[in-house]
Amino acid sequence: MRSAFTLIVLLGLLMLAALTGFWAWQEVGRVEMGWHGWMALGLGAGLTFLLGAGLMALMFFSARRGYDERAHEANRTHADHWRRPDQD
C-alpha cells in the first residue's frame, strides 16, 4: 500500500513537471535554434549521459570489489560506540 502511494505521488510530480515544461515551452513562442545551439544541446546531453553512466559503473565496481564493506563496518562500529548499554 505504501509503495503504491509513493508511486502515485512520484507519477503526479512527473506529470506536474511535464505540464510545467510544456507550459513554459508554449509561453516562449516560436524560437529558432541555430547549428551551434543544437551542437551545445547534443554535447550537453551526451556528456551528462556519459557522466551518469560512469558514476553508475563506479558504484557497481565498488560494490563488487568490497569497498563498501569497509564503510558499512565503520558505520556499525561508530554506531556501537555511541549506543548506551541499556539499549540492547
PDB file of N, CA and C in Angstrom:
ATOM      1  N   MET A   1       0.820  -1.193   0.000  1.00  0.00           N
ATOM      2  CA  MET A   1       0.000   0.000   0.000  1.00  0.00           C
ATOM      3  C   MET A   1       0.868   1.262   0.000  1.00  0.00           C
ATOM      4  N   ARG A   2       1.927   1.201   0.828  1.00  0.00           N
ATOM      5  CA  ARG A   2       2.793   2.365   0.923  1.00  0.00           C
ATOM      6  C   ARG A   2       3.552   2.602  -0.378  1.00  0.00           C
ATOM      7  N   SER A   3       3.978   1.506  -1.036  1.00  0.00           N
ATOM      8  CA  SER A   3       4.707   1.666  -2.298  1.00  0.00           C
ATOM      9  C   SER A   3       3.777   2.172  -3.403  1.00  0.00           C
ATOM     10  N   ALA A   4       2.512   1.794  -3.371  1.00  0.00           N
ATOM     11  CA  ALA A   4       1.555   2.288  -4.359  1.00  0.00           C
ATOM     12  C   ALA A   4       1.344   3.793  -4.171  1.00  0.00           C
ATOM     13  N   PHE A   5       1.257   4.224  -2.926  1.00  0.00           N
ATOM     14  CA  PHE A   5       1.112   5.652  -2.650  1.00  0.00           C
ATOM     15  C   PHE A   5       2.339   6.419  -3.127  1.00  0.00           C
ATOM     16  N   THR A   6       3.517   5.879  -2.852  1.00  0.00           N
ATOM     17  CA  THR A   6       4.761   6.518  -3.305  1.00  0.00           C
ATOM     18  C   THR A   6       4.792   6.615  -4.819  1.00  0.00           C
ATOM     19  N   LEU A   7       4.399   5.545  -5.496  1.00  0.00           N
ATOM     20  CA  LEU A   7       4.367   5.539  -6.960  1.00  0.00           C
ATOM     21  C   LEU A   7       3.396   6.588  -7.491  1.00  0.00           C
ATOM     22  N   ILE A   8       2.241   6.696  -6.896  1.00  0.00           N
ATOM     23  CA  ILE A   8       1.241   7.676  -7.335  1.00  0.00           C
ATOM     24  C   ILE A   8       1.763   9.098  -7.135  1.00  0.00           C
ATOM     25  N   VAL A   9       2.411   9.352  -5.991  1.00  0.00           N
ATOM     26  CA  VAL A   9       2.963  10.685  -5.733  1.00  0.00           C
ATOM     27  C   VAL A   9       4.060  11.014  -6.743  1.00  0.00           C
ATOM     28  N   LEU A  10       4.960  10.067  -7.000  1.00  0.00           N
ATOM     29  CA  LEU A  10       6.044  10.306  -7.954  1.00  0.00           C
ATOM     30  C   LEU A  10       5.522  10.523  -9.370  1.00  0.00           C
ATOM     31  N   LEU A  11       4.535   9.744  -9.773  1.00  0.00           N
ATOM     32  CA  LEU A  11       3.951   9.945 -11.097  1.00  0.00           C
ATOM     33  C   LEU A  11       3.239  11.295 -11.190  1.00  0.00           C
ATOM     34  N   GLY A  12       2.606  11.710 -10.105  1.00  0.00           N
ATOM     35  CA  GLY A  12       1.976  13.024 -10.081  1.00  0.00           C
ATOM     36  C   GLY A  12       3.003  14.142 -10.219  1.00  0.00           C
ATOM     37  N   LEU A  13       4.135  14.007  -9.527  1.00  0.00           N
ATOM     38  CA  LEU A  13       5.198  15.002  -9.652  1.00  0.00           C
ATOM     39  C   LEU A  13       5.790  15.014 -11.059  1.00  0.00           C
ATOM     40  N   LEU A  14       5.927  13.845 -11.659  1.00  0.00           N
ATOM     41  CA  LEU A  14       6.421  13.775 -13.039  1.00  0.00           C
ATOM     42  C   LEU A  14       5.457  14.465 -13.993  1.00  0.00           C
ATOM     43  N   MET A  15       4.170  14.240 -13.800  1.00  0.00           N
ATOM     44  CA  MET A  15       3.158  14.875 -14.641  1.00  0.00           C
ATOM     45  C   MET A  15       3.181  16.392 -14.450  1.00  0.00           C
ATOM     46  N   LEU A  16       3.321  16.837 -13.210  1.00  0.00           N
ATOM     47  CA  LEU A  16       3.391  18.268 -12.934  1.00  0.00           C
ATOM     48  C   LEU A  16       4.611  18.898 -13.609  1.00  0.00           C
ATOM     49  N   ALA A  17       5.749  18.212 -13.547  1.00  0.00           N
ATOM     50  CA  ALA A  17       6.959  18.727 -14.192  1.00  0.00           C
ATOM     51  C   ALA A  17       6.786  18.786 -15.706  1.00  0.00           C
ATOM     52  N   ALA A  18       6.163  17.753 -16.289  1.00  0.00           N
ATOM     53  CA  ALA A  18       5.946  17.734 -17.737  1.00  0.00           C
ATOM     54  C   ALA A  18       4.992  18.852 -18.161  1.00  0.00           C
ATOM     55  N   LEU A  19       3.936  19.044 -17.407  1.00  0.00           N
ATOM     56  CA  LEU A  19       2.984  20.110 -17.748  1.00  0.00           C
ATOM     57  C   LEU A  19       3.615  21.485 -17.587  1.00  0.00           C
ATOM     58  N   THR A  20       4.429  21.658 -16.565  1.00  0.00           N
ATOM     59  CA  THR A  20       5.124  22.940 -16.380  1.00  0.00           C
ATOM     60  C   THR A  20       6.085  23.198 -17.526  1.00  0.00           C
ATOM     61  N   GLY A  21       6.813  22.175 -17.936  1.00  0.00           N
ATOM     62  CA  GLY A  21       7.720  22.317 -19.075  1.00  0.00           C
ATOM     63  C   GLY A  21       6.983  22.640 -20.358  1.00  0.00           C
ATOM     64  N   PHE A  22       5.855  21.968 -20.598  1.00  0.00           N
ATOM     65  CA  PHE A  22       5.062  22.230 -21.791  1.00  0.00           C
ATOM     66  C   PHE A  22       4.517  23.653 -21.776  1.00  0.00           C
ATOM     67  N   TRP A  23       4.032  24.087 -20.612  1.00  0.00           N
ATOM     68  CA  TRP A  23       3.507  25.454 -20.489  1.00  0.00           C
ATOM     69  C   TRP A  23       4.606  26.484 -20.766  1.00  0.00           C
ATOM     70  N   ALA A  24       5.792  26.271 -20.195  1.00  0.00           N
ATOM     71  CA  ALA A  24       6.900  27.202 -20.407  1.00  0.00           C
ATOM     72  C   ALA A  24       7.306  27.226 -21.878  1.00  0.00           C
ATOM     73  N   TRP A  25       7.311  26.070 -22.519  1.00  0.00           N
ATOM     74  CA  TRP A  25       7.667  25.986 -23.941  1.00  0.00           C
ATOM     75  C   TRP A  25       6.670  26.783 -24.786  1.00  0.00           C
ATOM     76  N   GLN A  26       5.394  26.693 -24.451  1.00  0.00           N
ATOM     77  CA  GLN A  26       4.370  27.420 -25.196  1.00  0.00           C
ATOM     78  C   GLN A  26       4.448  28.921 -24.946  1.00  0.00           C
ATOM     79  N   GLU A  27       4.809  29.328 -23.735  1.00  0.00           N
ATOM     80  CA  GLU A  27       4.898  30.747 -23.405  1.00  0.00           C
ATOM     81  C   GLU A  27       6.052  31.434 -24.128  1.00  0.00           C
ATOM     82  N   VAL A  28       7.108  30.711 -24.397  1.00  0.00           N
ATOM     83  CA  VAL A  28       8.276  31.297 -25.059  1.00  0.00           C
ATOM     84  C   VAL A  28       7.928  31.661 -26.499  1.00  0.00           C
ATOM     85  N   GLY A  29       7.109  30.876 -27.117  1.00  0.00           N
ATOM     86  CA  GLY A  29       6.742  31.147 -28.503  1.00  0.00           C
ATOM     87  C   GLY A  29       7.684  30.434 -29.469  1.00  0.00           C
ATOM     88  N   ARG A  30       7.651  30.859 -30.693  1.00  0.00           N
ATOM     89  CA  ARG A  30       8.467  30.212 -31.724  1.00  0.00           C
ATOM     90  C   ARG A  30       9.886  30.779 -31.672  1.00  0.00           C
ATOM     91  N   VAL A  31      10.827  29.908 -31.363  1.00  0.00           N
ATOM     92  CA  VAL A  31      12.232  30.302 -31.264  1.00  0.00           C
ATOM     93  C   VAL A  31      13.033  29.409 -32.189  1.00  0.00           C
ATOM     94  N   GLU A  32      13.833  30.027 -33.012  1.00  0.00           N
ATOM     95  CA  GLU A  32      14.709  29.269 -33.906  1.00  0.00           C
ATOM     96  C   GLU A  32      16.044  29.027 -33.206  1.00  0.00           C
ATOM     97  N   MET A  33      16.552  27.803 -33.329  1.00  0.00           N
ATOM     98  CA  MET A  33      17.837  27.483 -32.734  1.00  0.00           C
ATOM     99  C   MET A  33      18.803  27.162 -33.857  1.00  0.00           C
ATOM    100  N   GLY A  34      19.927  27.812 -33.848  1.00  0.00           N
ATOM    101  CA  GLY A  34      20.930  27.615 -34.879  1.00  0.00           C
ATOM    102  C   GLY A  34      21.743  26.348 -34.673  1.00  0.00           C
ATOM    103  N   TRP A  35      22.708  26.168 -35.559  1.00  0.00           N
ATOM    104  CA  TRP A  35      23.554  24.982 -35.539  1.00  0.00           C
ATOM    105  C   TRP A  35      24.335  24.889 -34.234  1.00  0.00           C
ATOM    106  N   HIS A  36      24.854  26.004 -33.756  1.00  0.00           N
ATOM    107  CA  HIS A  36      25.621  25.998 -32.519  1.00  0.00           C
ATOM    108  C   HIS A  36      24.754  25.616 -31.313  1.00  0.00           C
ATOM    109  N   GLY A  37      23.508  26.026 -31.324  1.00  0.00           N
ATOM    110  CA  GLY A  37      22.593  25.653 -30.246  1.00  0.00           C
ATOM    111  C   GLY A  37      22.342  24.161 -30.213  1.00  0.00           C
ATOM    112  N   TRP A  38      22.108  23.579 -31.401  1.00  0.00           N
ATOM    113  CA  TRP A  38      21.886  22.128 -31.468  1.00  0.00           C
ATOM    114  C   TRP A  38      23.140  21.366 -31.061  1.00  0.00           C
ATOM    115  N   MET A  39      24.298  21.891 -31.451  1.00  0.00           N
ATOM    116  CA  MET A  39      25.558  21.252 -31.076  1.00  0.00           C
ATOM    117  C   MET A  39      25.747  21.296 -29.557  1.00  0.00           C
ATOM    118  N   ALA A  40      25.470  22.437 -28.950  1.00  0.00           N
ATOM    119  CA  ALA A  40      25.593  22.563 -27.497  1.00  0.00           C
ATOM    120  C   ALA A  40      24.601  21.648 -26.781  1.00  0.00           C
ATOM    121  N   LEU A  41      23.387  21.583 -27.292  1.00  0.00           N
ATOM    122  CA  LEU A  41      22.378  20.715 -26.693  1.00  0.00           C
ATOM    123  C   LEU A  41      22.798  19.256 -26.779  1.00  0.00           C
ATOM    124  N   GLY A  42      23.280  18.832 -27.941  1.00  0.00           N
ATOM    125  CA  GLY A  42      23.720  17.450 -28.115  1.00  0.00           C
ATOM    126  C   GLY A  42      24.917  17.105 -27.246  1.00  0.00           C
ATOM    127  N   LEU A  43      25.899  18.008 -27.197  1.00  0.00           N
ATOM    128  CA  LEU A  43      27.068  17.757 -26.355  1.00  0.00           C
ATOM    129  C   LEU A  43      26.696  17.723 -24.876  1.00  0.00           C
ATOM    130  N   GLY A  44      25.844  18.636 -24.466  1.00  0.00           N
ATOM    131  CA  GLY A  44      25.421  18.645 -23.064  1.00  0.00           C
ATOM    132  C   GLY A  44      24.681  17.376 -22.676  1.00  0.00           C
ATOM    133  N   ALA A  45      23.773  16.937 -23.532  1.00  0.00           N
ATOM    134  CA  ALA A  45      23.023  15.713 -23.238  1.00  0.00           C
ATOM    135  C   ALA A  45      23.949  14.495 -23.252  1.00  0.00           C
ATOM    136  N   GLY A  46      24.816  14.426 -24.240  1.00  0.00           N
ATOM    137  CA  GLY A  46      25.732  13.285 -24.336  1.00  0.00           C
ATOM    138  C   GLY A  46      26.701  13.212 -23.170  1.00  0.00           C
ATOM    139  N   LEU A  47      27.295  14.338 -22.807  1.00  0.00           N
ATOM    140  CA  LEU A  47      28.242  14.336 -21.695  1.00  0.00           C
ATOM    141  C   LEU A  47      27.551  14.065 -20.362  1.00  0.00           C
ATOM    142  N   THR A  48      26.325  14.538 -20.209  1.00  0.00           N
ATOM    143  CA  THR A  48      25.573  14.250 -18.994  1.00  0.00           C
ATOM    144  C   THR A  48      25.279  12.764 -18.883  1.00  0.00           C
ATOM    145  N   PHE A  49      24.910  12.143 -20.005  1.00  0.00           N
ATOM    146  CA  PHE A  49      24.666  10.703 -20.020  1.00  0.00           C
ATOM    147  C   PHE A  49      25.939   9.937 -19.682  1.00  0.00           C
ATOM    148  N   LEU A  50      27.066  10.326 -20.290  1.00  0.00           N
ATOM    149  CA  LEU A  50      28.331   9.645 -20.018  1.00  0.00           C
ATOM    150  C   LEU A  50      28.753   9.794 -18.558  1.00  0.00           C
ATOM    151  N   LEU A  51      28.557  10.959 -17.988  1.00  0.00           N
ATOM    152  CA  LEU A  51      28.885  11.170 -16.584  1.00  0.00           C
ATOM    153  C   LEU A  51      28.033  10.265 -15.691  1.00  0.00           C
ATOM    154  N   GLY A  52      26.743  10.204 -15.956  1.00  0.00           N
ATOM    155  CA  GLY A  52      25.859   9.335 -15.173  1.00  0.00           C
ATOM    156  C   GLY A  52      26.234   7.871 -15.311  1.00  0.00           C
ATOM    157  N   ALA A  53      26.532   7.433 -16.545  1.00  0.00           N
ATOM    158  CA  ALA A  53      26.919   6.042 -16.763  1.00  0.00           C
ATOM    159  C   ALA A  53      28.236   5.733 -16.066  1.00  0.00           C
ATOM    160  N   GLY A  54      29.179   6.652 -16.113  1.00  0.00           N
ATOM    161  CA  GLY A  54      30.461   6.435 -15.448  1.00  0.00           C
ATOM    162  C   GLY A  54      30.317   6.343 -13.939  1.00  0.00           C
ATOM    163  N   LEU A  55      29.500   7.203 -13.360  1.00  0.00           N
ATOM    164  CA  LEU A  55      29.282   7.149 -11.914  1.00  0.00           C
ATOM    165  C   LEU A  55      28.560   5.868 -11.505  1.00  0.00           C
ATOM    166  N   MET A  56      27.619   5.418 -12.312  1.00  0.00           N
ATOM    167  CA  MET A  56      26.943   4.150 -12.020  1.00  0.00           C
ATOM    168  C   MET A  56      27.917   2.980 -12.113  1.00  0.00           C
ATOM    169  N   ALA A  57      28.807   2.996 -13.118  1.00  0.00           N
ATOM    170  CA  ALA A  57      29.805   1.937 -13.252  1.00  0.00           C
ATOM    171  C   ALA A  57      30.727   1.921 -12.040  1.00  0.00           C
ATOM    172  N   LEU A  58      31.163   3.088 -11.584  1.00  0.00           N
ATOM    173  CA  LEU A  58      31.999   3.140 -10.383  1.00  0.00           C
ATOM    174  C   LEU A  58      31.272   2.581  -9.167  1.00  0.00           C
ATOM    175  N   MET A  59      29.988   2.857  -9.065  1.00  0.00           N
ATOM    176  CA  MET A  59      29.214   2.345  -7.948  1.00  0.00           C
ATOM    177  C   MET A  59      29.146   0.816  -7.978  1.00  0.00           C
ATOM    178  N   PHE A  60      28.916   0.237  -9.153  1.00  0.00           N
ATOM    179  CA  PHE A  60      28.845  -1.217  -9.267  1.00  0.00           C
ATOM    180  C   PHE A  60      30.200  -1.860  -9.008  1.00  0.00           C
ATOM    181  N   PHE A  61      31.275  -1.295  -9.551  1.00  0.00           N
ATOM    182  CA  PHE A  61      32.601  -1.848  -9.315  1.00  0.00           C
ATOM    183  C   PHE A  61      32.961  -1.764  -7.836  1.00  0.00           C
ATOM    184  N   SER A  62      32.597  -0.670  -7.185  1.00  0.00           N
ATOM    185  CA  SER A  62      32.888  -0.506  -5.766  1.00  0.00           C
ATOM    186  C   SER A  62      32.148  -1.556  -4.945  1.00  0.00           C
ATOM    187  N   ALA A  63      30.912  -1.808  -5.279  1.00  0.00           N
ATOM    188  CA  ALA A  63      30.126  -2.790  -4.534  1.00  0.00           C
ATOM    189  C   ALA A  63      30.651  -4.205  -4.763  1.00  0.00           C
ATOM    190  N   ARG A  64      31.053  -4.527  -5.979  1.00  0.00           N
ATOM    191  CA  ARG A  64      31.529  -5.882  -6.276  1.00  0.00           C
ATOM    192  C   ARG A  64      32.906  -6.174  -5.705  1.00  0.00           C
ATOM    193  N   ARG A  65      33.732  -5.180  -5.565  1.00  0.00           N
ATOM    194  CA  ARG A  65      35.090  -5.404  -5.061  1.00  0.00           C
ATOM    195  C   ARG A  65      35.185  -5.266  -3.552  1.00  0.00           C
ATOM    196  N   GLY A  66      34.098  -4.969  -2.894  1.00  0.00           N
ATOM    197  CA  GLY A  66      34.084  -4.956  -1.438  1.00  0.00           C
ATOM    198  C   GLY A  66      34.490  -3.650  -0.795  1.00  0.00           C
ATOM    199  N   TYR A  67      34.620  -2.600  -1.563  1.00  0.00           N
ATOM    200  CA  TYR A  67      34.998  -1.323  -0.964  1.00  0.00           C
ATOM    201  C   TYR A  67      33.900  -0.781  -0.049  1.00  0.00           C
ATOM    202  N   ASP A  68      32.670  -1.153  -0.313  1.00  0.00           N
ATOM    203  CA  ASP A  68      31.562  -0.661   0.501  1.00  0.00           C
ATOM    204  C   ASP A  68      31.510  -1.338   1.866  1.00  0.00           C
ATOM    205  N   GLU A  69      32.056  -2.569   1.970  1.00  0.00           N
ATOM    206  CA  GLU A  69      32.006  -3.287   3.239  1.00  0.00           C
ATOM    207  C   GLU A  69      32.755  -2.551   4.339  1.00  0.00           C
ATOM    208  N   ARG A  70      33.899  -1.969   3.987  1.00  0.00           N
ATOM    209  CA  ARG A  70      34.660  -1.227   4.995  1.00  0.00           C
ATOM    210  C   ARG A  70      33.857  -0.034   5.511  1.00  0.00           C
ATOM    211  N   ALA A  71      33.127   0.619   4.638  1.00  0.00           N
ATOM    212  CA  ALA A  71      32.316   1.761   5.067  1.00  0.00           C
ATOM    213  C   ALA A  71      31.181   1.294   5.973  1.00  0.00           C
ATOM    214  N   HIS A  72      30.560   0.160   5.637  1.00  0.00           N
ATOM    215  CA  HIS A  72      29.481  -0.362   6.474  1.00  0.00           C
ATOM    216  C   HIS A  72      29.999  -0.783   7.842  1.00  0.00           C
ATOM    217  N   GLU A  73      31.184  -1.426   7.864  1.00  0.00           N
ATOM    218  CA  GLU A  73      31.761  -1.834   9.147  1.00  0.00           C
ATOM    219  C   GLU A  73      32.098  -0.611  10.002  1.00  0.00           C
ATOM    220  N   ALA A  74      32.648   0.420   9.385  1.00  0.00           N
ATOM    221  CA  ALA A  74      32.978   1.635  10.132  1.00  0.00           C
ATOM    222  C   ALA A  74      31.712   2.277  10.674  1.00  0.00           C
ATOM    223  N   ASN A  75      30.651   2.248   9.899  1.00  0.00           N
ATOM    224  CA  ASN A  75      29.386   2.831  10.351  1.00  0.00           C
ATOM    225  C   ASN A  75      28.830   2.048  11.536  1.00  0.00           C
ATOM    226  N   ARG A  76      28.911   0.708  11.468  1.00  0.00           N
ATOM    227  CA  ARG A  76      28.434  -0.113  12.583  1.00  0.00           C
ATOM    228  C   ARG A  76      29.265   0.132  13.836  1.00  0.00           C
ATOM    229  N   THR A  77      30.574   0.224  13.674  1.00  0.00           N
ATOM    230  CA  THR A  77      31.448   0.466  14.812  1.00  0.00           C
ATOM    231  C   THR A  77      31.152   1.824  15.433  1.00  0.00           C
ATOM    232  N   HIS A  78      30.951   2.806  14.590  1.00  0.00           N
ATOM    233  CA  HIS A  78      30.646   4.150  15.085  1.00  0.00           C
ATOM    234  C   HIS A  78      29.305   4.154  15.818  1.00  0.00           C
ATOM    235  N   ALA A  79      28.321   3.465  15.274  1.00  0.00           N
ATOM    236  CA  ALA A  79      27.004   3.419  15.908  1.00  0.00           C
ATOM    237  C   ALA A  79      27.086   2.677  17.246  1.00  0.00           C
ATOM    238  N   ASP A  80      27.879   1.597  17.305  1.00  0.00           N
ATOM    239  CA  ASP A  80      28.019   0.853  18.560  1.00  0.00           C
ATOM    240  C   ASP A  80      28.723   1.684  19.617  1.00  0.00           C
ATOM    241  N   HIS A  81      29.622   2.522  19.199  1.00  0.00           N
ATOM    242  CA  HIS A  81      30.361   3.348  20.136  1.00  0.00           C
ATOM    243  C   HIS A  81      29.424   4.302  20.886  1.00  0.00           C
ATOM    244  N   TRP A  82      28.422   4.808  20.204  1.00  0.00           N
ATOM    245  CA  TRP A  82      27.534   5.800  20.808  1.00  0.00           C
ATOM    246  C   TRP A  82      26.286   5.185  21.434  1.00  0.00           C
ATOM    247  N   ARG A  83      26.125   3.875  21.328  1.00  0.00           N
ATOM    248  CA  ARG A  83      24.937   3.223  21.896  1.00  0.00           C
ATOM    249  C   ARG A  83      25.072   3.123  23.403  1.00  0.00           C
ATOM    250  N   ARG A  84      24.008   3.420  24.103  1.00  0.00           N
ATOM    251  CA  ARG A  84      24.011   3.284  25.565  1.00  0.00           C
ATOM    252  C   ARG A  84      23.840   1.816  25.926  1.00  0.00           C
ATOM    253  N   PRO A  85      24.397   1.363  27.022  1.00  0.00           N
ATOM    254  CA  PRO A  85      24.300  -0.053  27.411  1.00  0.00           C
ATOM    255  C   PRO A  85      22.873  -0.518  27.618  1.00  0.00           C
ATOM    256  N   ASP A  86      21.962   0.351  28.006  1.00  0.00           N
ATOM    257  CA  ASP A  86      20.580  -0.052  28.274  1.00  0.00           C
ATOM    258  C   ASP A  86      19.734  -0.138  27.004  1.00  0.00           C
ATOM    259  N   GLN A  87      20.317   0.051  25.816  1.00  0.00           N
ATOM    260  CA  GLN A  87      19.545  -0.002  24.572  1.00  0.00           C
ATOM    261  C   GLN A  87      19.638  -1.352  23.870  1.00  0.00           C
ATOM    262  N   ASP A  88      20.118  -2.376  24.503  1.00  0.00           N
ATOM    263  CA  ASP A  88      20.267  -3.693  23.856  1.00  0.00           C
ATOM    264  C   ASP A  88      19.011  -4.429  23.776  1.00  0.00           C
TER     265      ASP A  88
END
